[in-house]
């Protein structure tokens, strides 16, 4: 699956890596796993509701999430990364 990063995602990812450089490899591994199988059980991919209706989330770690949506062309648009409280 092709993954596209939104401008806001690129910004939040830079900030995320500055705060948590030790999670860079974990993020890269989870993104690679997502590209192979977006619904792999270890990602805990799930639908979101409310103001984020239509979006989905997957887990990087217990505390950190990626918000994304599937695009009509079959790609996934990553829009935000952060803690549960930051992204929801």
N, C-alpha and C. Protein backbone atom coordinates (compact mmCIF):
# COMPACT_ATOMS: atom_id res chain seq x y z
N UNK A 1 0.84 -1.17 0.00
CA UNK A 1 0.00 0.00 0.00
C UNK A 1 0.89 1.24 0.00
N UNK A 2 0.50 2.20 -0.77
CA UNK A 2 1.21 3.46 -0.82
C UNK A 2 0.77 4.36 0.34
N UNK A 3 1.73 4.94 1.04
CA UNK A 3 1.45 5.83 2.17
C UNK A 3 1.85 7.25 1.77
N UNK A 4 0.93 8.18 1.99
CA UNK A 4 1.17 9.60 1.70
C UNK A 4 1.13 10.35 3.03
N UNK A 5 2.08 11.26 3.22
CA UNK A 5 2.13 12.08 4.43
C UNK A 5 1.58 13.46 4.13
N UNK A 6 0.58 13.90 4.90
CA UNK A 6 0.07 15.26 4.76
C UNK A 6 1.12 16.24 5.30
N UNK A 7 0.96 17.50 4.98
CA UNK A 7 1.87 18.54 5.47
C UNK A 7 1.83 18.57 7.00
N UNK A 8 0.63 18.49 7.58
CA UNK A 8 0.51 18.52 9.04
C UNK A 8 1.15 17.28 9.66
N UNK A 9 1.07 16.12 8.97
CA UNK A 9 1.70 14.91 9.49
C UNK A 9 3.22 15.07 9.49
N UNK A 10 3.77 15.61 8.43
CA UNK A 10 5.23 15.81 8.37
C UNK A 10 5.70 16.70 9.52
N UNK A 11 4.93 17.74 9.79
CA UNK A 11 5.26 18.65 10.89
C UNK A 11 5.18 17.93 12.23
N UNK A 12 4.09 17.21 12.44
CA UNK A 12 3.93 16.53 13.73
C UNK A 12 4.93 15.38 13.88
N UNK A 13 5.33 14.75 12.77
CA UNK A 13 6.33 13.68 12.84
C UNK A 13 7.70 14.24 13.22
N UNK A 14 8.07 15.39 12.65
CA UNK A 14 9.35 16.02 13.03
C UNK A 14 9.37 16.33 14.52
N UNK A 15 8.28 16.90 15.01
CA UNK A 15 8.17 17.21 16.44
C UNK A 15 8.21 15.94 17.28
N UNK A 16 7.51 14.91 16.82
CA UNK A 16 7.47 13.63 17.51
C UNK A 16 8.89 13.05 17.63
N UNK A 17 9.65 13.08 16.54
CA UNK A 17 11.02 12.54 16.57
C UNK A 17 11.96 13.38 17.43
N UNK A 18 11.74 14.70 17.47
CA UNK A 18 12.58 15.54 18.36
C UNK A 18 12.34 15.18 19.82
N UNK A 19 11.08 14.94 20.17
CA UNK A 19 10.74 14.60 21.55
C UNK A 19 11.07 13.16 21.90
N UNK A 20 10.97 12.27 20.89
CA UNK A 20 11.11 10.83 21.14
C UNK A 20 12.01 10.17 20.09
N UNK A 21 13.28 10.53 20.03
CA UNK A 21 14.16 9.94 19.01
C UNK A 21 14.27 8.42 19.13
N UNK A 22 14.05 7.91 20.33
CA UNK A 22 14.13 6.46 20.55
C UNK A 22 12.99 5.70 19.86
N UNK A 23 11.94 6.42 19.42
CA UNK A 23 10.80 5.77 18.78
C UNK A 23 10.85 5.82 17.25
N UNK A 24 11.90 6.38 16.68
CA UNK A 24 12.01 6.48 15.22
C UNK A 24 11.94 5.08 14.59
N UNK A 25 12.76 4.17 15.08
CA UNK A 25 12.80 2.82 14.51
C UNK A 25 11.45 2.11 14.69
N UNK A 26 10.82 2.30 15.84
CA UNK A 26 9.51 1.69 16.09
C UNK A 26 8.49 2.22 15.10
N UNK A 27 8.49 3.54 14.89
CA UNK A 27 7.56 4.13 13.92
C UNK A 27 7.82 3.56 12.53
N UNK A 28 9.08 3.51 12.11
CA UNK A 28 9.40 3.01 10.78
C UNK A 28 8.96 1.55 10.61
N UNK A 29 9.16 0.74 11.64
CA UNK A 29 8.73 -0.66 11.58
C UNK A 29 7.20 -0.77 11.48
N UNK A 30 6.49 0.05 12.26
CA UNK A 30 5.03 0.01 12.23
C UNK A 30 4.50 0.51 10.88
N UNK A 31 5.13 1.55 10.32
CA UNK A 31 4.72 2.06 9.01
C UNK A 31 4.94 1.01 7.93
N UNK A 32 6.05 0.29 8.01
CA UNK A 32 6.34 -0.78 7.05
C UNK A 32 5.30 -1.90 7.19
N UNK A 33 4.99 -2.26 8.42
CA UNK A 33 3.98 -3.29 8.67
C UNK A 33 2.62 -2.82 8.14
N UNK A 34 2.29 -1.55 8.37
CA UNK A 34 1.04 -0.98 7.87
C UNK A 34 0.97 -1.07 6.35
N UNK A 35 2.08 -0.76 5.67
CA UNK A 35 2.11 -0.82 4.21
C UNK A 35 1.85 -2.24 3.70
N UNK A 36 2.31 -3.23 4.46
CA UNK A 36 2.10 -4.63 4.08
C UNK A 36 0.71 -5.11 4.43
N UNK A 37 0.20 -4.71 5.59
CA UNK A 37 -1.12 -5.14 6.06
C UNK A 37 -1.67 -4.11 7.05
N UNK A 38 -2.51 -3.18 6.57
CA UNK A 38 -3.03 -2.12 7.45
C UNK A 38 -3.85 -2.62 8.63
N UNK A 39 -4.28 -3.88 8.58
CA UNK A 39 -5.10 -4.41 9.66
C UNK A 39 -4.39 -5.51 10.45
N UNK A 40 -3.05 -5.46 10.43
CA UNK A 40 -2.28 -6.42 11.23
C UNK A 40 -2.69 -6.24 12.69
N UNK A 41 -2.91 -7.35 13.41
CA UNK A 41 -3.39 -7.25 14.80
C UNK A 41 -2.52 -6.38 15.72
N UNK A 42 -1.23 -6.35 15.51
CA UNK A 42 -0.37 -5.56 16.40
C UNK A 42 -0.55 -4.06 16.20
N UNK A 43 -1.16 -3.64 15.08
CA UNK A 43 -1.40 -2.22 14.85
C UNK A 43 -2.65 -1.71 15.56
N UNK A 44 -3.56 -2.62 15.87
CA UNK A 44 -4.82 -2.25 16.53
C UNK A 44 -5.57 -1.16 15.76
N UNK A 45 -5.63 -1.31 14.45
CA UNK A 45 -6.31 -0.35 13.58
C UNK A 45 -7.79 -0.31 13.92
N UNK A 46 -8.32 0.92 14.03
CA UNK A 46 -9.74 1.06 14.34
C UNK A 46 -10.31 2.35 13.76
N UNK A 47 -11.65 2.34 13.56
CA UNK A 47 -12.37 3.51 13.06
C UNK A 47 -12.49 4.55 14.17
N UNK A 48 -12.57 5.79 13.76
CA UNK A 48 -12.78 6.89 14.71
C UNK A 48 -14.16 7.49 14.47
N UNK A 49 -14.67 8.16 15.45
CA UNK A 49 -15.98 8.78 15.35
C UNK A 49 -15.92 10.25 15.72
N UNK A 50 -17.07 10.83 15.90
CA UNK A 50 -17.16 12.24 16.29
C UNK A 50 -16.58 13.14 15.23
N UNK A 51 -15.76 14.08 15.65
CA UNK A 51 -15.15 15.03 14.70
C UNK A 51 -14.16 14.35 13.76
N UNK A 52 -13.72 13.16 14.11
CA UNK A 52 -12.78 12.41 13.26
C UNK A 52 -13.48 11.28 12.50
N UNK A 53 -14.79 11.37 12.37
CA UNK A 53 -15.55 10.36 11.65
C UNK A 53 -15.00 10.18 10.24
N UNK A 54 -14.81 8.93 9.84
CA UNK A 54 -14.24 8.64 8.53
C UNK A 54 -12.74 8.40 8.58
N UNK A 55 -12.13 8.77 9.68
CA UNK A 55 -10.69 8.57 9.86
C UNK A 55 -10.48 7.27 10.63
N UNK A 56 -9.24 6.83 10.64
CA UNK A 56 -8.85 5.63 11.38
C UNK A 56 -7.58 5.92 12.15
N UNK A 57 -7.25 5.01 13.04
CA UNK A 57 -6.05 5.16 13.85
C UNK A 57 -5.37 3.81 13.98
N UNK A 58 -4.03 3.84 14.12
CA UNK A 58 -3.31 2.63 14.51
C UNK A 58 -2.27 3.00 15.54
N UNK A 59 -1.85 2.00 16.31
CA UNK A 59 -0.93 2.23 17.42
C UNK A 59 0.52 2.06 17.00
N UNK A 60 1.34 3.01 17.44
CA UNK A 60 2.80 2.88 17.31
C UNK A 60 3.30 2.16 18.56
N UNK A 61 2.87 2.67 19.71
CA UNK A 61 3.13 2.05 21.01
C UNK A 61 1.82 2.14 21.79
N UNK A 62 1.85 1.75 23.03
CA UNK A 62 0.65 1.85 23.86
C UNK A 62 0.15 3.29 23.94
N UNK A 63 1.07 4.26 23.97
CA UNK A 63 0.70 5.67 24.15
C UNK A 63 0.57 6.48 22.86
N UNK A 64 1.19 6.04 21.78
CA UNK A 64 1.28 6.86 20.56
C UNK A 64 0.50 6.27 19.41
N UNK A 65 -0.17 7.17 18.66
CA UNK A 65 -1.06 6.76 17.57
C UNK A 65 -0.75 7.54 16.29
N UNK A 66 -1.15 6.95 15.17
CA UNK A 66 -1.15 7.63 13.87
C UNK A 66 -2.60 7.70 13.42
N UNK A 67 -3.04 8.90 13.00
CA UNK A 67 -4.36 9.10 12.44
C UNK A 67 -4.21 9.10 10.93
N UNK A 68 -5.09 8.38 10.24
CA UNK A 68 -5.00 8.29 8.79
C UNK A 68 -6.38 8.06 8.19
N UNK A 69 -6.43 8.15 6.86
CA UNK A 69 -7.64 7.77 6.14
C UNK A 69 -7.25 7.08 4.84
N UNK A 70 -8.09 6.15 4.43
CA UNK A 70 -7.89 5.49 3.15
C UNK A 70 -8.42 6.41 2.06
N UNK A 71 -7.64 6.57 1.00
CA UNK A 71 -8.01 7.45 -0.10
C UNK A 71 -8.66 6.62 -1.21
N UNK A 72 -9.45 7.26 -2.08
CA UNK A 72 -10.12 6.53 -3.17
C UNK A 72 -9.14 5.80 -4.10
N UNK A 73 -7.91 6.29 -4.22
CA UNK A 73 -6.94 5.64 -5.11
C UNK A 73 -6.27 4.42 -4.47
N UNK A 74 -6.68 4.09 -3.23
CA UNK A 74 -6.12 2.93 -2.55
C UNK A 74 -4.94 3.23 -1.65
N UNK A 75 -4.50 4.47 -1.64
CA UNK A 75 -3.39 4.85 -0.75
C UNK A 75 -3.94 5.20 0.63
N UNK A 76 -3.04 5.40 1.57
CA UNK A 76 -3.41 5.83 2.92
C UNK A 76 -2.76 7.18 3.19
N UNK A 77 -3.54 8.13 3.62
CA UNK A 77 -3.05 9.47 3.94
C UNK A 77 -2.88 9.58 5.45
N UNK A 78 -1.63 9.65 5.89
CA UNK A 78 -1.32 9.85 7.32
C UNK A 78 -1.48 11.33 7.61
N UNK A 79 -2.27 11.67 8.64
CA UNK A 79 -2.54 13.08 8.91
C UNK A 79 -2.00 13.59 10.24
N UNK A 80 -1.78 12.72 11.24
CA UNK A 80 -1.27 13.20 12.51
C UNK A 80 -0.65 12.05 13.30
N UNK A 81 0.31 12.39 14.14
CA UNK A 81 0.94 11.42 15.02
C UNK A 81 1.10 12.07 16.39
N UNK A 82 0.85 11.31 17.44
CA UNK A 82 1.02 11.84 18.79
C UNK A 82 0.40 10.93 19.82
N UNK A 83 0.32 11.42 21.03
CA UNK A 83 -0.30 10.64 22.11
C UNK A 83 -1.80 10.55 21.88
N UNK A 84 -2.44 9.67 22.59
CA UNK A 84 -3.89 9.51 22.51
C UNK A 84 -4.57 10.86 22.71
N UNK A 85 -4.19 11.59 23.75
CA UNK A 85 -4.82 12.88 24.04
C UNK A 85 -4.51 13.94 22.98
N UNK A 86 -3.34 13.89 22.37
CA UNK A 86 -2.97 14.88 21.35
C UNK A 86 -3.74 14.69 20.05
N UNK A 87 -3.99 13.47 19.67
CA UNK A 87 -4.59 13.23 18.36
C UNK A 87 -6.10 13.08 18.37
N UNK A 88 -6.70 12.82 19.55
CA UNK A 88 -8.15 12.66 19.60
C UNK A 88 -8.80 13.90 20.08
